[in-house]
Protein backbone atom coordinates (compact mmCIF):
# COMPACT_ATOMS: atom_id res chain seq x y z
CA UNK A 1 -3.34 18.40 -16.47
CA UNK A 2 -3.74 17.68 -20.36
CA UNK A 3 0.14 17.78 -20.36
CA UNK A 4 0.44 15.37 -17.76
CA UNK A 5 -2.23 12.57 -18.78
CA UNK A 6 -0.96 12.89 -22.61
CA UNK A 7 2.93 12.18 -21.26
CA UNK A 8 1.47 9.18 -18.83
CA UNK A 9 -0.42 7.95 -21.96
CA UNK A 10 2.45 8.07 -24.37
CA UNK A 11 4.86 6.27 -21.76
CA UNK A 12 2.25 3.53 -21.06
CA UNK A 13 0.74 3.01 -24.32
CA UNK A 14 4.22 3.66 -26.46
CA UNK A 15 6.93 2.44 -24.53
CA UNK A 16 6.55 -1.03 -25.39
CA UNK A 17 7.74 -0.46 -29.09
CA UNK A 18 11.07 0.24 -27.80
CA UNK A 19 11.61 -2.22 -25.25
CA UNK A 20 14.45 -4.90 -25.25
CA UNK A 21 13.93 -8.25 -24.89
CA UNK A 22 15.80 -8.33 -21.95
CA UNK A 23 13.57 -5.98 -20.07
CA UNK A 24 10.12 -7.35 -21.87
CA UNK A 25 10.01 -10.11 -18.87
CA UNK A 26 9.50 -12.92 -21.25
CA UNK A 27 6.78 -15.42 -20.23
CA UNK A 28 9.21 -18.30 -20.01
CA UNK A 29 11.29 -16.51 -17.00
CA UNK A 30 8.55 -14.54 -15.14
CA UNK A 31 7.57 -15.25 -12.03
CA UNK A 32 4.75 -18.28 -12.41
CA UNK A 33 3.24 -16.98 -9.26
CA UNK A 34 3.08 -13.40 -10.95
CA UNK A 35 1.51 -14.83 -13.92
CA UNK A 36 -1.00 -16.94 -12.25
CA UNK A 37 -1.87 -13.52 -10.16
CA UNK A 38 -2.26 -11.31 -13.26
CA UNK A 39 -4.49 -14.02 -14.81
CA UNK A 40 -6.61 -13.82 -11.60
CA UNK A 41 -7.26 -10.53 -10.56
CA UNK A 42 -5.92 -8.61 -13.75
CA UNK A 43 -7.81 -7.85 -17.16
CA UNK A 44 -6.44 -7.80 -20.22
CA UNK A 45 -6.38 -4.12 -20.39
CA UNK A 46 -4.51 -3.37 -16.94
CA UNK A 47 -7.54 -3.12 -14.68
CA UNK A 48 -7.00 -4.92 -11.10
CA UNK A 49 -10.39 -6.33 -10.50
CA UNK A 50 -11.12 -6.85 -6.32
CA UNK A 51 -13.32 -9.45 -5.82
CA UNK A 52 -12.91 -8.82 -1.92
CA UNK A 53 -15.32 -4.86 -2.84
CA UNK A 54 -17.64 -6.17 -5.65
CA UNK A 55 -15.33 -6.36 -8.60
CA UNK A 56 -14.65 -2.35 -8.33
CA UNK A 57 -11.13 -1.08 -9.04
CA UNK A 58 -9.32 1.47 -7.01
CA UNK A 59 -5.99 3.33 -6.70
CA UNK A 60 -4.53 0.86 -3.97
CA UNK A 61 -5.15 -1.98 -6.12
CA UNK A 62 -3.72 -0.50 -9.30
CA UNK A 63 -0.27 0.75 -7.32
CA UNK A 64 -0.04 -2.47 -5.70
CA UNK A 65 -0.67 -4.31 -9.42
CA UNK A 66 1.86 -1.92 -10.88
CA UNK A 67 4.66 -2.38 -7.87
CA UNK A 68 3.93 -6.28 -8.42
CA UNK A 69 4.69 -5.85 -11.81
CA UNK A 70 7.80 -4.03 -11.56
CA UNK A 71 9.55 -6.37 -9.05
CA UNK A 72 8.33 -9.39 -11.26
CA UNK A 73 10.20 -7.46 -14.57
CA UNK A 74 6.93 -7.68 -15.93
CA UNK A 75 7.44 -4.19 -18.20
CA UNK A 76 4.50 -4.77 -20.62
CA UNK A 77 2.35 -5.56 -17.61
CA UNK A 78 3.21 -2.64 -16.02
CA UNK A 79 2.52 -0.27 -19.00
CA UNK A 80 -0.98 -1.83 -19.51
CA UNK A 81 -1.74 -1.59 -15.86
CA UNK A 82 -0.68 1.98 -15.69
CA UNK A 83 -2.38 2.54 -18.87
CA UNK A 84 -5.52 1.71 -17.60
CA UNK A 85 -4.85 4.16 -14.26
CA UNK A 86 -4.22 7.18 -16.33
CA UNK A 87 -7.19 6.79 -18.39
CA UNK A 88 -9.45 5.83 -15.44
CA UNK A 89 -8.32 7.13 -12.48
CA UNK A 90 -5.45 10.18 -13.27
CA UNK A 91 -8.99 12.30 -13.49
CA UNK A 92 -8.58 15.02 -11.13
CA UNK A 93 -6.52 18.19 -11.96
CA UNK A 94 -3.78 17.70 -9.30
CA UNK A 95 -2.31 14.84 -10.23
CA UNK A 96 -4.01 12.47 -7.12
CA UNK A 97 -5.91 9.43 -8.39
CA UNK A 98 -9.61 8.94 -8.07
CA UNK A 99 -10.05 6.77 -5.31
CA UNK A 100 -12.57 4.14 -6.83
CA UNK A 101 -14.11 2.93 -9.92
CA UNK A 102 -17.13 0.85 -10.17
CA UNK A 103 -18.18 -1.06 -13.11
CA UNK A 104 -21.73 -0.91 -12.28
CA UNK A 105 -21.92 2.75 -12.29
CA UNK A 106 -22.38 5.32 -15.10
CA UNK A 107 -20.16 7.40 -14.74
CA UNK A 108 -17.60 4.98 -13.68
CA UNK A 109 -16.22 7.30 -11.18
CA UNK A 110 -18.68 9.31 -9.12
CA UNK A 111 -16.55 9.81 -6.25
CA UNK A 112 -13.32 11.75 -7.56
CA UNK A 113 -12.22 12.19 -3.72
CA UNK A 114 -8.52 10.28 -3.65
CA UNK A 115 -6.89 7.56 -1.25
CA UNK A 116 -3.50 8.65 -0.38
CA UNK A 117 -2.10 4.94 -0.07
CA UNK A 118 -3.13 4.30 -3.12
CA UNK A 119 -1.20 7.45 -4.32
CA UNK A 120 1.91 6.61 -2.47
CA UNK A 121 1.45 3.24 -4.20
CA UNK A 122 1.24 4.41 -7.43
CA UNK A 123 4.16 7.17 -7.35
CA UNK A 124 6.24 3.98 -5.62
CA UNK A 125 5.78 1.63 -8.49
CA UNK A 126 6.62 4.58 -11.17
CA UNK A 127 9.86 5.23 -8.93
CA UNK A 128 10.73 1.47 -8.76
CA UNK A 129 10.19 0.65 -12.68
CA UNK A 130 12.41 3.67 -13.52
CA UNK A 131 15.32 2.52 -11.10
CA UNK A 132 14.97 -1.20 -12.08
CA UNK A 133 14.70 -0.76 -15.55
CA UNK A 134 16.77 2.34 -15.81
CA UNK A 135 13.89 3.97 -17.56
CA UNK A 136 13.85 7.68 -16.08
CA UNK A 137 10.71 8.29 -18.25
CA UNK A 138 8.31 6.82 -15.37
CA UNK A 139 10.36 9.28 -13.15
CA UNK A 140 8.39 12.37 -14.20
CA UNK A 141 5.16 10.57 -13.40
CA UNK A 142 6.44 9.56 -9.80
CA UNK A 143 7.40 12.85 -8.72
CA UNK A 144 3.98 14.53 -10.31
CA UNK A 145 2.14 12.06 -7.66
CA UNK A 146 4.42 12.59 -4.86
CA UNK A 147 4.76 16.42 -4.93
CA UNK A 148 1.07 16.31 -4.55
CA UNK A 149 1.10 14.17 -1.77
CA UNK A 150 3.62 16.41 0.03
CA UNK A 151 1.23 19.67 -1.07
CA UNK A 152 -2.25 18.42 -0.41
CA UNK A 153 -2.00 15.63 1.68
CA UNK A 154 0.63 16.51 4.34
CA UNK A 155 -0.48 18.72 7.55
CA UNK A 156 1.57 19.58 10.91
CA UNK A 157 0.70 17.97 14.27
CA UNK A 158 2.12 17.21 16.85
CA UNK A 159 3.99 14.31 15.97
CA UNK A 160 5.12 15.97 13.01
CA UNK A 161 4.03 16.25 9.60
CA UNK A 162 1.51 13.12 9.12
CA UNK A 163 -0.70 11.93 6.15
CA UNK A 164 -4.17 12.89 5.60
CA UNK A 165 -6.25 9.73 4.34
CA UNK A 166 -7.54 11.68 1.28
CA UNK A 167 -7.85 15.82 0.43
CA UNK A 168 -11.52 15.79 1.71
CA UNK A 169 -13.34 14.48 4.10
CA UNK A 170 -10.42 13.77 7.07
CA UNK A 171 -9.43 17.13 8.37
CA UNK A 172 -10.43 19.31 11.80
CA UNK A 173 -13.03 20.95 9.33
CA UNK A 174 -14.67 17.92 7.93
CA UNK A 175 -15.38 15.96 11.31
CA UNK A 176 -15.79 16.77 15.03
CA UNK A 177 -12.59 14.42 15.87
CA UNK A 178 -10.85 15.61 13.12
CA UNK A 179 -7.95 15.36 11.68
CA UNK A 180 -7.92 11.66 11.38
CA UNK A 181 -5.32 9.24 10.62
CA UNK A 182 -4.70 5.57 9.07
CA UNK A 183 -1.09 4.01 10.24
CA UNK A 184 -1.53 1.74 7.28
CA UNK A 185 -1.21 4.57 5.10
CA UNK A 186 2.55 5.17 6.19
CA UNK A 187 4.01 3.42 3.47
CA UNK A 188 7.32 3.03 4.66
CA UNK A 189 9.27 1.51 1.64
CA UNK A 190 7.30 4.11 -0.52
CA UNK A 191 8.71 7.02 1.34
CA UNK A 192 12.42 5.33 0.84
CA UNK A 193 12.19 4.99 -2.63
CA UNK A 194 10.32 8.38 -3.44
CA UNK A 195 13.60 10.38 -1.83
CA UNK A 196 14.93 9.97 -5.00
CA UNK A 197 12.27 11.39 -7.51
CA UNK A 198 10.95 14.15 -4.52
CA UNK A 199 13.53 15.06 -2.36
CA UNK A 200 12.32 17.89 -1.21
CA UNK A 201 8.92 16.30 0.32
CA UNK A 202 9.48 15.60 4.03
CA UNK A 203 9.96 11.76 3.90
CA UNK A 204 11.99 11.43 7.17
CA UNK A 205 9.34 13.86 9.09
CA UNK A 206 6.40 11.42 7.82
CA UNK A 207 8.52 8.47 8.85
CA UNK A 208 9.14 9.64 12.17
CA UNK A 209 5.41 11.21 12.91
CA UNK A 210 4.23 7.47 11.93
CA UNK A 211 6.29 5.51 14.45
CA UNK A 212 5.78 8.05 16.97
CA UNK A 213 1.48 7.74 16.35
CA UNK A 214 2.37 4.03 16.77
CA UNK A 215 4.03 4.35 19.74
CA UNK A 216 0.97 6.50 21.51
CA UNK A 217 -1.84 4.27 19.84
CA UNK A 218 -1.92 1.15 22.01
CA UNK A 219 -5.71 0.99 22.82
CA UNK A 220 -7.53 -0.93 25.60
CA UNK A 221 -5.78 -3.78 26.99
CA UNK A 222 -4.71 -5.49 23.92
CA UNK A 223 -2.30 -2.34 23.24
CA UNK A 224 -2.88 -2.25 19.54
CA UNK A 225 -3.61 0.91 17.06
CA UNK A 226 -7.12 0.95 15.75
CA UNK A 227 -7.58 0.84 12.11
CA UNK A 228 -8.68 4.72 12.30
CA UNK A 229 -7.42 7.10 14.66
CA UNK A 230 -8.21 10.75 15.87
CA UNK A 231 -5.41 12.95 16.74
CA UNK A 232 -8.07 15.88 18.18
CA UNK A 233 -7.04 15.53 21.53
CA UNK A 234 -3.89 13.15 21.77
CA UNK A 235 -4.58 10.00 19.92
CA UNK A 236 -7.65 7.78 20.52
CA UNK A 237 -9.72 5.67 18.23
CA UNK A 238 -12.05 7.91 15.71
CA UNK A 239 -15.50 7.97 15.73
CA UNK A 240 -17.91 5.93 13.21
CA UNK A 241 -15.25 3.77 12.50
CA UNK A 242 -14.89 0.37 14.31
CA UNK A 243 -12.44 0.23 17.50
CA UNK A 244 -10.22 -2.50 16.02
CA UNK A 245 -7.49 -3.97 14.77
CA UNK A 246 -8.58 -5.12 11.67
CA UNK A 247 -8.08 -5.42 7.85
CA UNK A 248 -6.55 -1.92 7.15
CA UNK A 249 -3.87 -1.81 10.04
CA UNK A 250 -2.69 -5.06 9.22
CA UNK A 251 -0.56 -3.75 6.40
CA UNK A 252 1.19 -1.55 9.31
CA UNK A 253 3.36 -4.80 10.30
CA UNK A 254 4.48 -5.40 6.36
CA UNK A 255 5.31 -1.98 5.74
CA UNK A 256 7.58 -1.97 8.95
CA UNK A 257 9.26 -4.73 7.73
CA UNK A 258 10.07 -3.76 4.55
CA UNK A 259 10.36 -0.34 4.74
CA UNK A 260 11.91 0.32 8.51
CA UNK A 261 14.16 -2.51 9.25
CA UNK A 262 15.76 -0.65 12.13
CA UNK A 263 12.67 -0.95 13.86
CA UNK A 264 12.85 -4.28 15.27
CA UNK A 265 12.08 -3.69 18.44
CA UNK A 266 8.87 -1.41 17.42
CA UNK A 267 7.93 -4.38 15.23
CA UNK A 268 8.58 -7.22 17.63
CA UNK A 269 6.10 -5.69 20.49
CA UNK A 270 3.33 -5.25 17.68
CA UNK A 271 3.80 -8.45 16.43
CA UNK A 272 3.63 -9.96 20.11
CA UNK A 273 0.83 -7.79 20.87
CA UNK A 274 -1.48 -8.90 17.88
CA UNK A 275 -0.19 -12.15 16.25
CA UNK A 276 0.91 -14.24 19.39
CA UNK A 277 2.55 -17.72 19.30
CA UNK A 278 4.32 -18.39 15.66
CA UNK A 279 1.38 -21.53 15.12
CA UNK A 280 -1.58 -19.07 16.10
CA UNK A 281 -3.66 -17.53 13.61
CA UNK A 282 -3.49 -13.94 13.91
CA UNK A 283 -6.83 -12.25 15.06
CA UNK A 284 -9.24 -9.09 14.62
CA UNK A 285 -9.07 -7.86 17.72
CA UNK A 286 -11.84 -5.56 19.21
CA UNK A 287 -10.01 -2.73 21.22
CA UNK A 288 -13.20 -2.00 23.32
CA UNK A 289 -13.31 -5.75 24.66
CA UNK A 290 -9.59 -7.04 24.09
CA UNK A 291 -10.72 -9.89 22.69
CA UNK A 292 -10.61 -11.78 18.97
CA UNK A 293 -13.82 -10.84 17.07
CA UNK A 294 -12.47 -12.96 14.14
CA UNK A 295 -9.23 -14.50 12.74
CA UNK A 296 -7.01 -13.57 9.66
CA UNK A 297 -7.96 -17.48 8.33
CA UNK A 298 -6.52 -16.74 5.24
CA UNK A 299 -2.92 -17.32 4.07
CA UNK A 300 -2.00 -13.89 3.06
CA UNK A 301 -3.26 -12.36 6.32
CA UNK A 302 -1.09 -15.07 8.11
CA UNK A 303 2.00 -14.59 5.55
CA UNK A 304 2.23 -10.73 7.01
CA UNK A 305 2.78 -12.18 10.62
CA UNK A 306 5.13 -14.61 9.42
CA UNK A 307 7.34 -11.81 7.64
CA UNK A 308 6.83 -9.80 10.69
CA UNK A 309 8.12 -12.54 13.11
CA UNK A 310 11.10 -12.98 10.46
CA UNK A 311 11.76 -8.90 10.63
CA UNK A 312 11.56 -8.72 13.98
CA UNK A 313 12.46 -12.12 15.48
CA UNK A 314 14.41 -14.21 12.76
CA UNK A 315 11.76 -16.49 13.23
CA UNK A 316 11.81 -18.75 9.84
CA UNK A 317 8.70 -18.00 7.44
CA UNK A 318 6.88 -21.27 6.98
CA UNK A 319 7.40 -23.17 3.62
CA UNK A 320 3.82 -23.46 3.10
CA UNK A 321 3.11 -19.98 3.01
CA UNK A 322 5.69 -19.54 0.01
CA UNK A 323 3.06 -20.74 -2.55
CA UNK A 324 0.32 -17.92 -2.96
CA UNK A 325 -3.18 -18.39 -2.34
CA UNK A 326 -5.28 -17.17 -5.17
CA UNK A 327 -8.90 -16.88 -3.74
CA UNK A 328 -9.29 -13.45 -3.03
CA UNK A 329 -7.74 -10.44 -4.11
CA UNK A 330 -6.76 -8.43 -0.82
CA UNK A 331 -5.06 -11.68 0.87
CA UNK A 332 -3.38 -12.65 -2.14
CA UNK A 333 -1.70 -9.34 -2.81
CA UNK A 334 -0.84 -9.04 0.96
CA UNK A 335 0.79 -12.56 0.40
CA UNK A 336 2.62 -11.72 -2.99
CA UNK A 337 3.77 -8.52 -1.17
CA UNK A 338 5.33 -10.29 2.06
CA UNK A 339 7.01 -12.62 -0.45
CA UNK A 340 8.66 -9.81 -2.35
CA UNK A 341 9.36 -7.83 1.16
CA UNK A 342 10.90 -11.12 1.90
CA UNK A 343 13.27 -11.52 -0.96
CA UNK A 344 14.22 -7.70 -1.10
CA UNK A 345 14.89 -7.42 2.68
CA UNK A 346 17.71 -9.93 2.56
CA UNK A 347 16.22 -11.36 6.58
CA UNK A 348 18.21 -13.66 8.24
CA UNK A 349 15.21 -16.09 8.75
């Protein structure tokens, strides 16, 4: 562990001295929306501040920030974000990251459990940085995390290999309805990217299981998956969580559109069941009643629905959603990611 952290710190803090002018992403040419996002949500030392959850930081946010930095060709910013992540969240003995850092707590990390989506995002960002900048120095860190995911967070099920949301708290020995899964942790574009650095992990099997669970998880009259799902007896909403299509699962259409472009039929069925007509505001759906409990009013959430319609049905992406709304971290991040996916996916819309 000490060797890994030393290597990662060296990569994060020391590589800037050897960067070429081309790879530095000069501020005059850098994506202005990324610059504005970085100024709004990321501290000078590389901490992504989640104003959606009391100004905490977490592995998910750090991974998103690194990914956006990579796709914006901001290598200096990337290294700062990764350096903060290594120093403050890479404190476990297994290569995974502690999931949350709270500025008001001492110590700042009290719960060292991981969040699997955060680890996937960190590994994906590192692999993407290595690919985009032809900098293989990032690959060992990406592979370390990817192998930890494959070794500690993948377990067999009737659907094939599935992802545990974390090392602790989600298995059959942890909960009466365990194991439970969260389909928003199936980050399909990360699976695609990580095949290069960790080909021995069964990313294809994970992709298949996520799609099979999505097909089976059509709950209530809305026929939609819930944020949290129990696999103990078939597929059903997990106990102790709201049975809703909510703020977790909204990421599933984003990841499907970006990372599983051949799944147009599945994506189309999901977006039709959830988002409704093209000019409507997508809802949070109570799966017990089938009714809308609130609306995803922020532009970032509407951007996810628009991306899904684009990928599944070639619906034009609305021009007004091309400008990122920076009021709150989570919807702003989803909007930023949707725009990257729109650019990278080469959709017909």
